[in-house]
Amino acid sequence: MGGGGLQVDQGRGELFKAAKKKVLSYLPQVAQQQYAVVRMPPVSVSTLTSE
């Protein structure tokens, strides 16, 4: 791999590190939202179809 290829590879590594850090920062919020959805009481079909 030439010098330019090495720079591209390093840049790609830095990009993935930054993306991983960003995704990990959102995980607690996403987990809390998913937990709230799971904890919601079930909705009956009649509730959804009534006008």
Protein backbone atom coordinates (compact mmCIF):
# COMPACT_ATOMS: atom_id res chain seq x y z
CA MET A 1 0.00 0.00 0.00
CA GLY A 2 1.39 3.40 -0.92
CA GLY A 3 1.63 6.45 1.31
CA GLY A 4 -1.73 7.75 0.10
CA GLY A 5 -3.37 4.41 0.81
CA LEU A 6 -2.05 4.46 4.36
CA GLN A 7 -3.51 7.93 4.92
CA VAL A 8 -6.89 6.78 3.58
CA ASP A 9 -6.81 3.77 5.89
CA GLN A 10 -5.97 5.96 8.90
CA GLY A 11 -8.73 8.40 7.94
CA ARG A 12 -11.21 5.54 7.67
CA GLY A 13 -10.18 4.32 11.12
CA GLU A 14 -10.69 7.78 12.60
CA LEU A 15 -14.10 8.05 10.91
CA PHE A 16 -15.24 4.74 12.39
CA LYS A 17 -13.96 5.74 15.84
CA ALA A 18 -15.94 9.00 15.68
CA ALA A 19 -19.07 7.22 14.42
CA LYS A 20 -18.81 4.60 17.18
CA LYS A 21 -18.44 7.30 19.82
CA LYS A 22 -21.53 9.11 18.48
CA VAL A 23 -23.64 5.94 18.37
CA LEU A 24 -22.57 4.95 21.87
CA SER A 25 -23.58 8.38 23.17
CA TYR A 26 -27.18 7.74 21.99
CA LEU A 27 -27.51 4.20 23.37
CA PRO A 28 -28.76 5.14 26.87
CA GLN A 29 -31.50 7.32 25.36
CA VAL A 30 -32.56 4.64 22.88
CA ALA A 31 -32.57 1.99 25.61
CA GLN A 32 -34.77 4.17 27.81
CA GLN A 33 -37.22 4.78 24.95
CA GLN A 34 -37.38 1.07 24.10
CA TYR A 35 -37.93 0.19 27.76
CA ALA A 36 -40.84 2.65 27.91
CA VAL A 37 -42.42 1.04 24.82
CA VAL A 38 -42.04 -2.45 26.26
CA ARG A 39 -43.52 -1.37 29.59
CA MET A 40 -46.64 0.16 27.99
CA PRO A 41 -49.87 -1.70 28.76
CA PRO A 42 -51.22 -3.77 25.88
CA VAL A 43 -53.73 -2.09 23.59
CA SER A 44 -56.86 -4.03 22.68
CA VAL A 45 -58.02 -4.26 19.08
CA SER A 46 -61.39 -2.73 19.98
CA THR A 47 -59.62 0.39 21.26
CA LEU A 48 -57.83 0.77 17.94
CA THR A 49 -60.94 0.27 15.79
CA SER A 50 -63.51 2.30 17.77
CA GLU A 51 -64.41 5.73 16.45
